[in-house]
Amino acid sequence: MAQVQLEQVERASVRADKPPDEDRRHLRLVPCPRDAPQAKLLRILREVLFVAFLFGAYNLGRYLSMGHADEAFVHAHTLIHLQTQLGLPSEAGLQRVALPIPDLAQGANRYYEFVHFPLTALVLLWLMIRRPAHYPKARWALAALTGLALVGHLVFPLAPPRMMPGWVDTGALLGQSVYGPDAQSGLANQFAAMPSLHVGWSLMVAVFMIRATRSRWRWLWIAHPVLTFTVVVVTANHYFSDGLVAIALAVPLLILFRPKQFRRRGRVRRDSAPALLGTSDQESAGVVAVASSSSARTR
């Protein structure tokens, strides 16, 4: 037993006497690029332009759908009849319950106006900066949904319930309308009710944030699509079926464009850890030392 211990001490002393240069030769120094801040700024500007492009595509339908007002109202009557046959709740009935509640309609109008696009843009920006491994998939999922919705708006122009008898246009009633005085005015396509991008985008934003964060409070993001769905119905900007179709389109896209670490459970990916702006940030932190596997084994 004493001989075995003596041999172990001798091996340890040999490793301790190993020249430090022998370990250092396994290290590779990567210089920090001087133009890293400029590259980050250009990337942020590029993605801001991409979000602006999505908003432009969202509003493109207005110009392409002019002259289809009669068709949009015919589709509205058909959809209302179909929802009745399917037993879906009445949006007008929900309005009758909600409107007597003080300040509820005002709050719904403000949520409809100020939360939809600004929150979506902020979440994309946050993902790009704080969770770069999640951002590309989120961006393309959102772009794909917007493209499909644009096709739906052009193929199936639909007058929203606020234009139909029996519903109350809460925006016009309270002077908080985001649209113009008539169907042909304003920036947005007022016949783009099917599907509801408000509902589709809100669902995607919630899923993006639940995937990208680990806090136990992240599940509160589910409230965003629930509130959005309620708001678009209470304000008579969308039918129930508009939101349901948006969800039916968004769910397959969320599965198709999910981050890779969610495709194979049990595998830990290095790029799934929080980062500032991806690989370029690791380089901009200074000099990066990369050790080979052989040096790791010697230690």
C-alpha atoms as a PDB file:
ATOM      1  CA  MET A   1       0.000   0.000   0.000  1.00  0.00           C
ATOM      2  CA  ALA A   2       2.882   2.369   0.811  1.00  0.00           C
ATOM      3  CA  GLN A   3       4.427   1.644  -2.596  1.00  0.00           C
ATOM      4  CA  VAL A   4       1.164   2.544  -4.379  1.00  0.00           C
ATOM      5  CA  GLN A   5       0.917   5.844  -2.511  1.00  0.00           C
ATOM      6  CA  LEU A   6       4.565   6.610  -3.356  1.00  0.00           C
ATOM      7  CA  GLU A   7       3.867   6.070  -7.084  1.00  0.00           C
ATOM      8  CA  GLN A   8       0.842   8.410  -6.937  1.00  0.00           C
ATOM      9  CA  VAL A   9       2.948  11.120  -5.290  1.00  0.00           C
ATOM     10  CA  GLU A  10       5.617  10.736  -7.978  1.00  0.00           C
ATOM     11  CA  ARG A  11       3.043  11.090 -10.803  1.00  0.00           C
ATOM     12  CA  ALA A  12       1.615  14.222  -9.159  1.00  0.00           C
ATOM     13  CA  SER A  13       5.069  15.756  -8.882  1.00  0.00           C
ATOM     14  CA  VAL A  14       5.754  15.025 -12.559  1.00  0.00           C
ATOM     15  CA  ARG A  15       2.541  16.790 -13.561  1.00  0.00           C
ATOM     16  CA  ALA A  16       3.392  19.700 -11.286  1.00  0.00           C
ATOM     17  CA  ASP A  17       6.824  20.029 -12.925  1.00  0.00           C
ATOM     18  CA  LYS A  18       5.275  20.136 -16.403  1.00  0.00           C
ATOM     19  CA  PRO A  19       6.379  23.318 -18.209  1.00  0.00           C
ATOM     20  CA  PRO A  20       3.566  25.900 -18.412  1.00  0.00           C
ATOM     21  CA  ASP A  21       4.351  26.535 -22.075  1.00  0.00           C
ATOM     22  CA  GLU A  22       3.213  23.010 -22.901  1.00  0.00           C
ATOM     23  CA  ASP A  23      -0.317  23.910 -21.757  1.00  0.00           C
ATOM     24  CA  ARG A  24      -0.239  27.348 -23.297  1.00  0.00           C
ATOM     25  CA  ARG A  25       0.405  26.003 -26.748  1.00  0.00           C
ATOM     26  CA  HIS A  26      -3.104  24.574 -26.712  1.00  0.00           C
ATOM     27  CA  LEU A  27      -4.596  28.059 -26.347  1.00  0.00           C
ATOM     28  CA  ARG A  28      -5.654  30.180 -29.291  1.00  0.00           C
ATOM     29  CA  LEU A  29      -5.985  33.949 -28.917  1.00  0.00           C
ATOM     30  CA  VAL A  30      -8.788  35.653 -30.780  1.00  0.00           C
ATOM     31  CA  PRO A  31      -8.399  39.423 -31.106  1.00  0.00           C
ATOM     32  CA  CYS A  32     -11.316  41.702 -30.408  1.00  0.00           C
ATOM     33  CA  PRO A  33     -12.595  43.370 -33.598  1.00  0.00           C
ATOM     34  CA  ARG A  34     -12.465  47.130 -33.370  1.00  0.00           C
ATOM     35  CA  ASP A  35     -15.633  47.645 -35.384  1.00  0.00           C
ATOM     36  CA  ALA A  36     -17.816  45.491 -33.072  1.00  0.00           C
ATOM     37  CA  PRO A  37     -19.926  48.448 -31.784  1.00  0.00           C
ATOM     38  CA  GLN A  38     -20.567  49.646 -35.347  1.00  0.00           C
ATOM     39  CA  ALA A  39     -21.573  46.125 -36.403  1.00  0.00           C
ATOM     40  CA  LYS A  40     -24.033  45.889 -33.505  1.00  0.00           C
ATOM     41  CA  LEU A  41     -25.559  49.244 -34.367  1.00  0.00           C
ATOM     42  CA  LEU A  42     -25.950  48.266 -38.019  1.00  0.00           C
ATOM     43  CA  ARG A  43     -27.584  45.020 -37.009  1.00  0.00           C
ATOM     44  CA  ILE A  44     -30.065  46.817 -34.763  1.00  0.00           C
ATOM     45  CA  LEU A  45     -30.908  49.289 -37.530  1.00  0.00           C
ATOM     46  CA  ARG A  46     -31.367  46.445 -39.989  1.00  0.00           C
ATOM     47  CA  GLU A  47     -33.793  44.667 -37.704  1.00  0.00           C
ATOM     48  CA  VAL A  48     -35.699  47.884 -36.993  1.00  0.00           C
ATOM     49  CA  LEU A  49     -36.141  48.261 -40.742  1.00  0.00           C
ATOM     50  CA  PHE A  50     -37.362  44.673 -40.872  1.00  0.00           C
ATOM     51  CA  VAL A  51     -40.029  45.396 -38.242  1.00  0.00           C
ATOM     52  CA  ALA A  52     -41.015  48.510 -40.181  1.00  0.00           C
ATOM     53  CA  PHE A  53     -41.328  46.310 -43.266  1.00  0.00           C
ATOM     54  CA  LEU A  54     -43.726  44.020 -41.384  1.00  0.00           C
ATOM     55  CA  PHE A  55     -45.821  47.027 -40.428  1.00  0.00           C
ATOM     56  CA  GLY A  56     -45.791  48.204 -44.037  1.00  0.00           C
ATOM     57  CA  ALA A  57     -46.917  44.794 -45.250  1.00  0.00           C
ATOM     58  CA  TYR A  58     -49.632  44.858 -42.608  1.00  0.00           C
ATOM     59  CA  ASN A  59     -50.983  48.090 -44.081  1.00  0.00           C
ATOM     60  CA  LEU A  60     -50.396  47.199 -47.728  1.00  0.00           C
ATOM     61  CA  GLY A  61     -53.743  45.476 -47.891  1.00  0.00           C
ATOM     62  CA  ARG A  62     -55.551  48.790 -47.568  1.00  0.00           C
ATOM     63  CA  TYR A  63     -54.340  49.964 -50.949  1.00  0.00           C
ATOM     64  CA  LEU A  64     -54.824  46.599 -52.629  1.00  0.00           C
ATOM     65  CA  SER A  65     -58.332  46.050 -51.261  1.00  0.00           C
ATOM     66  CA  MET A  66     -59.874  49.349 -52.357  1.00  0.00           C
ATOM     67  CA  GLY A  67     -62.987  48.776 -54.388  1.00  0.00           C
ATOM     68  CA  HIS A  68     -63.882  45.540 -52.553  1.00  0.00           C
ATOM     69  CA  ALA A  69     -66.215  47.092 -49.983  1.00  0.00           C
ATOM     70  CA  ASP A  70     -69.339  45.355 -51.335  1.00  0.00           C
ATOM     71  CA  GLU A  71     -67.562  42.001 -51.265  1.00  0.00           C
ATOM     72  CA  ALA A  72     -66.338  42.660 -47.712  1.00  0.00           C
ATOM     73  CA  PHE A  73     -69.889  43.239 -46.437  1.00  0.00           C
ATOM     74  CA  VAL A  74     -71.192  40.142 -48.224  1.00  0.00           C
ATOM     75  CA  HIS A  75     -68.466  38.099 -46.534  1.00  0.00           C
ATOM     76  CA  ALA A  76     -69.397  39.644 -43.179  1.00  0.00           C
ATOM     77  CA  HIS A  77     -73.025  38.559 -43.472  1.00  0.00           C
ATOM     78  CA  THR A  78     -71.908  35.068 -44.510  1.00  0.00           C
ATOM     79  CA  LEU A  79     -69.490  34.797 -41.586  1.00  0.00           C
ATOM     80  CA  ILE A  80     -72.052  35.995 -39.046  1.00  0.00           C
ATOM     81  CA  HIS A  81     -74.484  33.346 -40.273  1.00  0.00           C
ATOM     82  CA  LEU A  82     -71.773  30.673 -40.150  1.00  0.00           C
ATOM     83  CA  GLN A  83     -70.793  31.586 -36.582  1.00  0.00           C
ATOM     84  CA  THR A  84     -74.433  31.318 -35.543  1.00  0.00           C
ATOM     85  CA  GLN A  85     -74.662  27.875 -37.112  1.00  0.00           C
ATOM     86  CA  LEU A  86     -71.471  26.787 -35.313  1.00  0.00           C
ATOM     87  CA  GLY A  87     -72.761  28.058 -31.963  1.00  0.00           C
ATOM     88  CA  LEU A  88     -69.945  30.541 -31.390  1.00  0.00           C
ATOM     89  CA  PRO A  89     -70.623  33.245 -28.780  1.00  0.00           C
ATOM     90  CA  SER A  90     -72.124  36.487 -29.970  1.00  0.00           C
ATOM     91  CA  GLU A  91     -69.696  39.418 -30.026  1.00  0.00           C
ATOM     92  CA  ALA A  92     -72.666  41.788 -29.641  1.00  0.00           C
ATOM     93  CA  GLY A  93     -73.758  39.880 -26.526  1.00  0.00           C
ATOM     94  CA  LEU A  94     -70.291  40.253 -25.021  1.00  0.00           C
ATOM     95  CA  GLN A  95     -70.406  43.959 -25.753  1.00  0.00           C
ATOM     96  CA  ARG A  96     -73.733  44.308 -23.956  1.00  0.00           C
ATOM     97  CA  VAL A  97     -72.155  42.752 -20.860  1.00  0.00           C
ATOM     98  CA  ALA A  98     -68.888  44.720 -21.032  1.00  0.00           C
ATOM     99  CA  LEU A  99     -69.959  48.232 -22.011  1.00  0.00           C
ATOM    100  CA  PRO A 100     -71.885  49.094 -18.807  1.00  0.00           C
ATOM    101  CA  ILE A 101     -68.702  48.483 -16.749  1.00  0.00           C
ATOM    102  CA  PRO A 102     -67.118  51.909 -16.074  1.00  0.00           C
ATOM    103  CA  ASP A 103     -63.991  52.716 -18.079  1.00  0.00           C
ATOM    104  CA  LEU A 104     -63.771  49.207 -19.523  1.00  0.00           C
ATOM    105  CA  ALA A 105     -64.413  50.289 -23.096  1.00  0.00           C
ATOM    106  CA  GLN A 106     -61.921  53.161 -22.779  1.00  0.00           C
ATOM    107  CA  GLY A 107     -59.263  50.776 -21.503  1.00  0.00           C
ATOM    108  CA  ALA A 108     -59.995  48.302 -24.289  1.00  0.00           C
ATOM    109  CA  ASN A 109     -59.656  51.024 -26.906  1.00  0.00           C
ATOM    110  CA  ARG A 110     -56.304  52.121 -25.466  1.00  0.00           C
ATOM    111  CA  TYR A 111     -55.045  48.535 -25.314  1.00  0.00           C
ATOM    112  CA  TYR A 112     -56.051  48.021 -28.932  1.00  0.00           C
ATOM    113  CA  GLU A 113     -54.245  51.187 -30.002  1.00  0.00           C
ATOM    114  CA  PHE A 114     -51.068  51.249 -27.899  1.00  0.00           C
ATOM    115  CA  VAL A 115     -50.147  47.645 -27.066  1.00  0.00           C
ATOM    116  CA  HIS A 116     -50.385  45.622 -30.280  1.00  0.00           C
ATOM    117  CA  PHE A 117     -47.548  46.899 -32.465  1.00  0.00           C
ATOM    118  CA  PRO A 118     -45.309  48.658 -29.871  1.00  0.00           C
ATOM    119  CA  LEU A 119     -45.120  45.592 -27.612  1.00  0.00           C
ATOM    120  CA  THR A 120     -44.399  43.303 -30.555  1.00  0.00           C
ATOM    121  CA  ALA A 121     -41.557  45.553 -31.692  1.00  0.00           C
ATOM    122  CA  LEU A 122     -40.116  45.792 -28.161  1.00  0.00           C
ATOM    123  CA  VAL A 123     -40.172  42.009 -27.710  1.00  0.00           C
ATOM    124  CA  LEU A 124     -38.371  41.475 -31.022  1.00  0.00           C
ATOM    125  CA  LEU A 125     -35.758  44.058 -30.047  1.00  0.00           C
ATOM    126  CA  TRP A 126     -35.288  42.430 -26.631  1.00  0.00           C
ATOM    127  CA  LEU A 127     -34.878  38.993 -28.196  1.00  0.00           C
ATOM    128  CA  MET A 128     -32.325  40.331 -30.659  1.00  0.00           C
ATOM    129  CA  ILE A 129     -30.216  41.881 -27.874  1.00  0.00           C
ATOM    130  CA  ARG A 130     -30.723  39.485 -24.952  1.00  0.00           C
ATOM    131  CA  ARG A 131     -31.654  36.165 -26.565  1.00  0.00           C
ATOM    132  CA  PRO A 132     -29.996  36.066 -30.012  1.00  0.00           C
ATOM    133  CA  ALA A 133     -30.394  32.276 -30.229  1.00  0.00           C
ATOM    134  CA  HIS A 134     -34.186  32.748 -30.179  1.00  0.00           C
ATOM    135  CA  TYR A 135     -34.452  35.846 -32.335  1.00  0.00           C
ATOM    136  CA  PRO A 136     -34.082  34.481 -35.930  1.00  0.00           C
ATOM    137  CA  LYS A 137     -36.836  31.903 -35.496  1.00  0.00           C
ATOM    138  CA  ALA A 138     -39.122  34.459 -33.855  1.00  0.00           C
ATOM    139  CA  ARG A 139     -38.554  36.940 -36.652  1.00  0.00           C
ATOM    140  CA  TRP A 140     -39.352  34.473 -39.424  1.00  0.00           C
ATOM    141  CA  ALA A 141     -42.366  33.049 -37.606  1.00  0.00           C
ATOM    142  CA  LEU A 142     -43.804  36.538 -37.297  1.00  0.00           C
ATOM    143  CA  ALA A 143     -42.982  37.344 -40.925  1.00  0.00           C
ATOM    144  CA  ALA A 144     -44.614  34.117 -42.146  1.00  0.00           C
ATOM    145  CA  LEU A 145     -47.794  34.815 -40.177  1.00  0.00           C
ATOM    146  CA  THR A 146     -47.940  38.363 -41.537  1.00  0.00           C
ATOM    147  CA  GLY A 147     -47.548  37.067 -45.094  1.00  0.00           C
ATOM    148  CA  LEU A 148     -50.305  34.492 -44.667  1.00  0.00           C
ATOM    149  CA  ALA A 149     -52.579  37.111 -43.110  1.00  0.00           C
ATOM    150  CA  LEU A 150     -51.955  39.488 -45.991  1.00  0.00           C
ATOM    151  CA  VAL A 151     -53.026  36.766 -48.427  1.00  0.00           C
ATOM    152  CA  GLY A 152     -56.159  36.205 -46.333  1.00  0.00           C
ATOM    153  CA  HIS A 153     -56.957  39.920 -46.312  1.00  0.00           C
ATOM    154  CA  LEU A 154     -56.715  40.071 -50.105  1.00  0.00           C
ATOM    155  CA  VAL A 155     -58.558  36.827 -50.859  1.00  0.00           C
ATOM    156  CA  PHE A 156     -61.267  37.275 -48.218  1.00  0.00           C
ATOM    157  CA  PRO A 157     -61.898  40.978 -47.541  1.00  0.00           C
ATOM    158  CA  LEU A 158     -64.133  41.211 -44.496  1.00  0.00           C
ATOM    159  CA  ALA A 159     -65.979  44.103 -42.906  1.00  0.00           C
ATOM    160  CA  PRO A 160     -65.405  44.100 -39.114  1.00  0.00           C
ATOM    161  CA  PRO A 161     -68.395  43.836 -36.746  1.00  0.00           C
ATOM    162  CA  ARG A 162     -68.185  47.550 -35.821  1.00  0.00           C
ATOM    163  CA  MET A 163     -69.416  48.276 -39.364  1.00  0.00           C
ATOM    164  CA  MET A 164     -72.367  45.943 -39.038  1.00  0.00           C
ATOM    165  CA  PRO A 165     -75.787  46.640 -37.462  1.00  0.00           C
ATOM    166  CA  GLY A 166     -76.137  45.357 -33.923  1.00  0.00           C
ATOM    167  CA  TRP A 167     -72.570  46.146 -32.809  1.00  0.00           C
ATOM    168  CA  VAL A 168     -71.150  49.262 -31.165  1.00  0.00           C
ATOM    169  CA  ASP A 169     -68.012  50.909 -32.543  1.00  0.00           C
ATOM    170  CA  THR A 170     -66.451  51.775 -29.175  1.00  0.00           C
ATOM    171  CA  GLY A 171     -63.684  53.833 -30.790  1.00  0.00           C
ATOM    172  CA  ALA A 172     -66.113  56.093 -32.621  1.00  0.00           C
ATOM    173  CA  LEU A 173     -68.462  56.226 -29.631  1.00  0.00           C
ATOM    174  CA  LEU A 174     -65.783  57.441 -27.225  1.00  0.00           C
ATOM    175  CA  GLY A 175     -63.713  59.458 -29.683  1.00  0.00           C
ATOM    176  CA  GLN A 176     -60.785  57.027 -29.503  1.00  0.00           C
ATOM    177  CA  SER A 177     -60.976  55.508 -32.968  1.00  0.00           C
ATOM    178  CA  VAL A 178     -57.650  54.642 -34.622  1.00  0.00           C
ATOM    179  CA  TYR A 179     -59.374  54.661 -38.008  1.00  0.00           C
ATOM    180  CA  GLY A 180     -60.688  57.457 -40.163  1.00  0.00           C
ATOM    181  CA  PRO A 181     -64.275  58.649 -40.408  1.00  0.00           C
ATOM    182  CA  ASP A 182     -65.095  56.158 -43.167  1.00  0.00           C
ATOM    183  CA  ALA A 183     -63.962  52.773 -44.461  1.00  0.00           C
ATOM    184  CA  GLN A 184     -61.664  54.244 -47.131  1.00  0.00           C
ATOM    185  CA  SER A 185     -59.747  56.602 -44.844  1.00  0.00           C
ATOM    186  CA  GLY A 186     -56.855  56.104 -42.451  1.00  0.00           C
ATOM    187  CA  LEU A 187     -53.646  54.150 -42.856  1.00  0.00           C
ATOM    188  CA  ALA A 188     -54.897  50.681 -41.973  1.00  0.00           C
ATOM    189  CA  ASN A 189     -56.923  48.308 -44.093  1.00  0.00           C
ATOM    190  CA  GLN A 190     -60.342  48.360 -42.458  1.00  0.00           C
ATOM    191  CA  PHE A 191     -61.476  45.273 -44.361  1.00  0.00           C
ATOM    192  CA  ALA A 192     -58.571  43.158 -43.020  1.00  0.00           C
ATOM    193  CA  ALA A 193     -60.520  41.445 -40.262  1.00  0.00           C
ATOM    194  CA  MET A 194     -59.795  37.827 -41.269  1.00  0.00           C
ATOM    195  CA  PRO A 195     -57.496  36.666 -39.746  1.00  0.00           C
ATOM    196  CA  SER A 196     -56.798  38.919 -36.773  1.00  0.00           C
ATOM    197  CA  LEU A 197     -53.114  39.833 -36.673  1.00  0.00           C
ATOM    198  CA  HIS A 198     -53.726  41.389 -33.268  1.00  0.00           C
ATOM    199  CA  VAL A 199     -54.516  37.925 -31.900  1.00  0.00           C
ATOM    200  CA  GLY A 200     -51.883  36.105 -33.967  1.00  0.00           C
ATOM    201  CA  TRP A 201     -49.042  38.448 -33.073  1.00  0.00           C
ATOM    202  CA  SER A 202     -49.999  38.494 -29.376  1.00  0.00           C
ATOM    203  CA  LEU A 203     -49.945  34.690 -29.212  1.00  0.00           C
ATOM    204  CA  MET A 204     -46.525  34.596 -30.861  1.00  0.00           C
ATOM    205  CA  VAL A 205     -45.142  37.268 -28.518  1.00  0.00           C
ATOM    206  CA  ALA A 206     -46.311  35.261 -25.492  1.00  0.00           C
ATOM    207  CA  VAL A 207     -44.748  32.036 -26.781  1.00  0.00           C
ATOM    208  CA  PHE A 208     -41.488  33.806 -27.685  1.00  0.00           C
ATOM    209  CA  MET A 209     -41.122  35.180 -24.162  1.00  0.00           C
ATOM    210  CA  ILE A 210     -42.098  31.937 -22.440  1.00  0.00           C
ATOM    211  CA  ARG A 211     -39.488  30.074 -24.490  1.00  0.00           C
ATOM    212  CA  ALA A 212     -36.750  32.664 -24.013  1.00  0.00           C
ATOM    213  CA  THR A 213     -37.037  33.190 -20.248  1.00  0.00           C
ATOM    214  CA  ARG A 214     -36.797  30.898 -17.239  1.00  0.00           C
ATOM    215  CA  SER A 215     -38.588  32.881 -14.540  1.00  0.00           C
ATOM    216  CA  ARG A 216     -41.625  31.264 -12.981  1.00  0.00           C
ATOM    217  CA  TRP A 217     -43.482  34.508 -13.781  1.00  0.00           C
ATOM    218  CA  ARG A 218     -43.013  33.982 -17.535  1.00  0.00           C
ATOM    219  CA  TRP A 219     -46.336  32.157 -17.756  1.00  0.00           C
ATOM    220  CA  LEU A 220     -48.076  35.467 -17.094  1.00  0.00           C
ATOM    221  CA  TRP A 221     -47.372  36.246 -20.760  1.00  0.00           C
ATOM    222  CA  ILE A 222     -50.380  34.048 -21.536  1.00  0.00           C
ATOM    223  CA  ALA A 223     -52.493  36.987 -20.354  1.00  0.00           C
ATOM    224  CA  HIS A 224     -51.409  39.027 -23.379  1.00  0.00           C
ATOM    225  CA  PRO A 225     -53.174  36.950 -26.081  1.00  0.00           C
ATOM    226  CA  VAL A 226     -56.152  36.389 -23.774  1.00  0.00           C
ATOM    227  CA  LEU A 227     -56.523  40.136 -23.184  1.00  0.00           C
ATOM    228  CA  THR A 228     -55.949  40.902 -26.864  1.00  0.00           C
ATOM    229  CA  PHE A 229     -58.616  38.430 -27.976  1.00  0.00           C
ATOM    230  CA  THR A 230     -61.054  39.932 -25.485  1.00  0.00           C
ATOM    231  CA  VAL A 231     -60.217  43.491 -26.513  1.00  0.00           C
ATOM    232  CA  VAL A 232     -60.656  42.970 -30.262  1.00  0.00           C
ATOM    233  CA  VAL A 233     -64.083  41.439 -29.639  1.00  0.00           C
ATOM    234  CA  VAL A 234     -65.252  43.997 -27.057  1.00  0.00           C
ATOM    235  CA  THR A 235     -64.232  46.878 -29.335  1.00  0.00           C
ATOM    236  CA  ALA A 236     -66.030  45.169 -32.271  1.00  0.00           C
ATOM    237  CA  ASN A 237     -62.903  45.198 -34.408  1.00  0.00           C
ATOM    238  CA  HIS A 238     -62.941  41.434 -34.956  1.00  0.00           C
ATOM    239  CA  TYR A 239     -65.233  38.427 -34.896  1.00  0.00           C
ATOM    240  CA  PHE A 240     -64.482  35.367 -32.768  1.00  0.00           C
ATOM    241  CA  SER A 241     -63.612  33.426 -35.908  1.00  0.00           C
ATOM    242  CA  ASP A 242     -60.985  36.019 -36.879  1.00  0.00           C
ATOM    243  CA  GLY A 243     -59.041  35.233 -33.712  1.00  0.00           C
ATOM    244  CA  LEU A 244     -59.543  31.483 -33.994  1.00  0.00           C
ATOM    245  CA  VAL A 245     -58.212  31.422 -37.562  1.00  0.00           C
ATOM    246  CA  ALA A 246     -55.209  33.522 -36.493  1.00  0.00           C
ATOM    247  CA  ILE A 247     -54.442  31.009 -33.734  1.00  0.00           C
ATOM    248  CA  ALA A 248     -54.822  28.115 -36.185  1.00  0.00           C
ATOM    249  CA  LEU A 249     -52.246  29.756 -38.462  1.00  0.00           C
ATOM    250  CA  ALA A 250     -49.855  30.792 -35.682  1.00  0.00           C
ATOM    251  CA  VAL A 251     -49.561  27.446 -33.864  1.00  0.00           C
ATOM    252  CA  PRO A 252     -48.024  25.467 -36.784  1.00  0.00           C
ATOM    253  CA  LEU A 253     -45.626  28.337 -37.477  1.00  0.00           C
ATOM    254  CA  LEU A 254     -44.555  28.413 -33.816  1.00  0.00           C
ATOM    255  CA  ILE A 255     -43.809  24.691 -34.036  1.00  0.00           C
ATOM    256  CA  LEU A 256     -42.024  24.982 -37.370  1.00  0.00           C
ATOM    257  CA  PHE A 257     -39.900  27.972 -36.326  1.00  0.00           C
ATOM    258  CA  ARG A 258     -39.103  26.894 -32.774  1.00  0.00           C
ATOM    259  CA  PRO A 259     -35.477  27.212 -31.604  1.00  0.00           C
ATOM    260  CA  LYS A 260     -33.327  24.112 -32.045  1.00  0.00           C
ATOM    261  CA  GLN A 261     -32.920  23.470 -28.336  1.00  0.00           C
ATOM    262  CA  PHE A 262     -36.682  22.804 -28.153  1.00  0.00           C
ATOM    263  CA  ARG A 263     -36.516  20.159 -30.891  1.00  0.00           C
ATOM    264  CA  ARG A 264     -34.365  17.674 -28.999  1.00  0.00           C
ATOM    265  CA  ARG A 265     -35.030  17.557 -25.311  1.00  0.00           C
ATOM    266  CA  GLY A 266     -32.248  16.626 -22.968  1.00  0.00           C
ATOM    267  CA  ARG A 267     -29.520  18.293 -24.987  1.00  0.00           C
ATOM    268  CA  VAL A 268     -27.918  21.447 -23.662  1.00  0.00           C
ATOM    269  CA  ARG A 269     -26.933  23.872 -26.370  1.00  0.00           C
ATOM    270  CA  ARG A 270     -24.238  26.438 -25.787  1.00  0.00           C
ATOM    271  CA  ASP A 271     -26.105  29.048 -27.848  1.00  0.00           C
ATOM    272  CA  SER A 272     -29.236  28.739 -25.704  1.00  0.00           C
ATOM    273  CA  ALA A 273     -27.570  30.575 -22.819  1.00  0.00           C
ATOM    274  CA  PRO A 274     -28.335  34.282 -22.387  1.00  0.00           C
ATOM    275  CA  ALA A 275     -26.080  36.487 -24.474  1.00  0.00           C
ATOM    276  CA  LEU A 276     -25.964  40.113 -25.494  1.00  0.00           C
ATOM    277  CA  LEU A 277     -25.637  40.007 -29.234  1.00  0.00           C
ATOM    278  CA  GLY A 278     -24.431  36.489 -30.079  1.00  0.00           C
ATOM    279  CA  THR A 279     -20.943  35.531 -31.181  1.00  0.00           C
ATOM    280  CA  SER A 280     -19.795  39.057 -31.828  1.00  0.00           C
ATOM    281  CA  ASP A 281     -20.388  39.913 -28.168  1.00  0.00           C
ATOM    282  CA  GLN A 282     -18.169  37.074 -27.030  1.00  0.00           C
ATOM    283  CA  GLU A 283     -15.406  38.471 -29.170  1.00  0.00           C
ATOM    284  CA  SER A 284     -16.032  42.054 -28.087  1.00  0.00           C
ATOM    285  CA  ALA A 285     -15.616  41.080 -24.432  1.00  0.00           C
ATOM    286  CA  GLY A 286     -11.882  41.071 -24.972  1.00  0.00           C
ATOM    287  CA  VAL A 287      -9.369  38.343 -25.802  1.00  0.00           C
ATOM    288  CA  VAL A 288     -10.957  34.906 -25.933  1.00  0.00           C
ATOM    289  CA  ALA A 289      -8.902  31.875 -24.970  1.00  0.00           C
ATOM    290  CA  VAL A 290     -10.035  28.556 -26.483  1.00  0.00           C
ATOM    291  CA  ALA A 291      -8.552  25.388 -24.985  1.00  0.00           C
ATOM    292  CA  SER A 292      -8.350  22.182 -26.996  1.00  0.00           C
ATOM    293  CA  SER A 293      -9.708  18.911 -25.682  1.00  0.00           C
ATOM    294  CA  SER A 294      -6.221  17.478 -25.315  1.00  0.00           C
ATOM    295  CA  SER A 295      -5.171  20.207 -22.888  1.00  0.00           C
ATOM    296  CA  ALA A 296      -8.402  19.733 -20.944  1.00  0.00           C
ATOM    297  CA  ARG A 297      -7.556  16.080 -20.473  1.00  0.00           C
ATOM    298  CA  THR A 298      -4.029  16.857 -19.222  1.00  0.00           C
ATOM    299  CA  ARG A 299      -5.492  19.068 -16.541  1.00  0.00           C
END
